[in-house]
Amino acid sequence: MGPVSAEIFWLAAVERLAQALGAYGRLGANPDTARFGRYVEPGLRMMRRALDRSRACPRLAALLQALASPAGR
C-alpha cells in the first residue's frame, strides 16, 4: 500500500469523526456512561477542521459553522 493523499486522509477523518460523535451522543445520553458527553464539543471542533480541510460535505460544514457561532447557540 502506497502513501495516502491528504484528500483521502481528511475524508477518512470526517467519516471516523462522524462515527465517534454518534457514539459520544448515544453514550452521553445514558446515565451510566454520561461521561462520554464531554467529548462531543471537542469532536465537533475536530469535525469542523476536517470538513474545512477536505472541502467535503459543504452543507454539513455550514451547519456546524452556524451552530458554533454565538447566534447559533
C-alpha atoms as a PDB file:
ATOM      1  CA  MET A   1       0.000   0.000   0.000  1.00  0.00           C
ATOM      2  CA  GLY A   2       1.357   3.377  -1.001  1.00  0.00           C
ATOM      3  CA  PRO A   3       1.124   6.719   0.744  1.00  0.00           C
ATOM      4  CA  VAL A   4      -2.304   8.176   1.445  1.00  0.00           C
ATOM      5  CA  SER A   5      -3.132  11.513  -0.124  1.00  0.00           C
ATOM      6  CA  ALA A   6      -4.145  14.432   2.067  1.00  0.00           C
ATOM      7  CA  GLU A   7      -7.560  14.375   0.396  1.00  0.00           C
ATOM      8  CA  ILE A   8      -8.179  10.739   1.393  1.00  0.00           C
ATOM      9  CA  PHE A   9      -6.832  11.367   4.896  1.00  0.00           C
ATOM     10  CA  TRP A  10      -9.286  14.225   5.569  1.00  0.00           C
ATOM     11  CA  LEU A  11     -12.218  12.327   4.053  1.00  0.00           C
ATOM     12  CA  ALA A  12     -11.425   9.376   6.309  1.00  0.00           C
ATOM     13  CA  ALA A  13     -11.191  11.758   9.265  1.00  0.00           C
ATOM     14  CA  VAL A  14     -14.677  13.111   8.506  1.00  0.00           C
ATOM     15  CA  GLU A  15     -16.078   9.583   8.374  1.00  0.00           C
ATOM     16  CA  ARG A  16     -14.384   8.469  11.590  1.00  0.00           C
ATOM     17  CA  LEU A  17     -15.374  11.601  13.470  1.00  0.00           C
ATOM     18  CA  ALA A  18     -18.993  11.091  12.401  1.00  0.00           C
ATOM     19  CA  GLN A  19     -18.852   7.589  13.874  1.00  0.00           C
ATOM     20  CA  ALA A  20     -17.233   8.818  17.084  1.00  0.00           C
ATOM     21  CA  LEU A  21     -19.694  11.693  17.509  1.00  0.00           C
ATOM     22  CA  GLY A  22     -22.601   9.287  17.110  1.00  0.00           C
ATOM     23  CA  ALA A  23     -21.144   7.063  19.803  1.00  0.00           C
ATOM     24  CA  TYR A  24     -20.472  10.003  22.140  1.00  0.00           C
ATOM     25  CA  GLY A  25     -24.038  11.219  21.711  1.00  0.00           C
ATOM     26  CA  ARG A  26     -25.545   7.811  22.325  1.00  0.00           C
ATOM     27  CA  LEU A  27     -23.316   7.002  25.292  1.00  0.00           C
ATOM     28  CA  GLY A  28     -23.673  10.506  26.704  1.00  0.00           C
ATOM     29  CA  ALA A  29     -27.461  10.064  26.847  1.00  0.00           C
ATOM     30  CA  ASN A  30     -27.134   7.048  29.149  1.00  0.00           C
ATOM     31  CA  PRO A  31     -26.714   7.893  32.857  1.00  0.00           C
ATOM     32  CA  ASP A  32     -24.157   5.099  33.324  1.00  0.00           C
ATOM     33  CA  THR A  33     -21.928   6.404  30.518  1.00  0.00           C
ATOM     34  CA  ALA A  34     -22.829  10.111  30.561  1.00  0.00           C
ATOM     35  CA  ARG A  35     -19.144  10.992  30.895  1.00  0.00           C
ATOM     36  CA  PHE A  36     -18.773  10.447  27.135  1.00  0.00           C
ATOM     37  CA  GLY A  37     -20.878  13.565  26.542  1.00  0.00           C
ATOM     38  CA  ARG A  38     -17.877  15.725  27.355  1.00  0.00           C
ATOM     39  CA  TYR A  39     -16.205  14.557  24.138  1.00  0.00           C
ATOM     40  CA  VAL A  40     -18.933  15.909  21.854  1.00  0.00           C
ATOM     41  CA  GLU A  41     -17.672  19.508  21.762  1.00  0.00           C
ATOM     42  CA  PRO A  42     -14.013  18.595  21.025  1.00  0.00           C
ATOM     43  CA  GLY A  43     -15.244  16.118  18.419  1.00  0.00           C
ATOM     44  CA  LEU A  44     -17.316  18.828  16.747  1.00  0.00           C
ATOM     45  CA  ARG A  45     -14.281  21.136  16.647  1.00  0.00           C
ATOM     46  CA  MET A  46     -12.221  18.407  15.008  1.00  0.00           C
ATOM     47  CA  MET A  47     -15.066  17.658  12.589  1.00  0.00           C
ATOM     48  CA  ARG A  48     -15.234  21.309  11.539  1.00  0.00           C
ATOM     49  CA  ARG A  49     -11.476  21.259  10.920  1.00  0.00           C
ATOM     50  CA  ALA A  50     -11.640  18.036   8.901  1.00  0.00           C
ATOM     51  CA  LEU A  51     -14.546  19.366   6.824  1.00  0.00           C
ATOM     52  CA  ASP A  52     -12.666  22.591   6.186  1.00  0.00           C
ATOM     53  CA  ARG A  53      -9.560  20.723   5.068  1.00  0.00           C
ATOM     54  CA  SER A  54     -11.415  18.179   2.941  1.00  0.00           C
ATOM     55  CA  ARG A  55     -13.941  20.614   1.454  1.00  0.00           C
ATOM     56  CA  ALA A  56     -16.364  17.684   1.582  1.00  0.00           C
ATOM     57  CA  CYS A  57     -19.985  17.962   2.651  1.00  0.00           C
ATOM     58  CA  PRO A  58     -20.404  21.743   2.357  1.00  0.00           C
ATOM     59  CA  ARG A  59     -23.911  21.642   3.849  1.00  0.00           C
ATOM     60  CA  LEU A  60     -22.693  19.822   6.935  1.00  0.00           C
ATOM     61  CA  ALA A  61     -19.767  22.237   7.231  1.00  0.00           C
ATOM     62  CA  ALA A  62     -22.145  25.201   7.028  1.00  0.00           C
ATOM     63  CA  LEU A  63     -24.453  23.691   9.647  1.00  0.00           C
ATOM     64  CA  LEU A  64     -21.606  23.061  12.085  1.00  0.00           C
ATOM     65  CA  GLN A  65     -20.273  26.583  11.476  1.00  0.00           C
ATOM     66  CA  ALA A  66     -23.706  28.052  12.182  1.00  0.00           C
ATOM     67  CA  LEU A  67     -24.016  26.025  15.381  1.00  0.00           C
ATOM     68  CA  ALA A  68     -20.558  27.147  16.504  1.00  0.00           C
ATOM     69  CA  SER A  69     -21.346  30.837  16.064  1.00  0.00           C
ATOM     70  CA  PRO A  70     -22.701  32.764  19.062  1.00  0.00           C
ATOM     71  CA  ALA A  71     -26.039  33.282  17.280  1.00  0.00           C
ATOM     72  CA  GLY A  72     -26.369  29.526  16.711  1.00  0.00           C
ATOM     73  CA  ARG A  73     -26.020  28.674  20.373  1.00  0.00           C
END
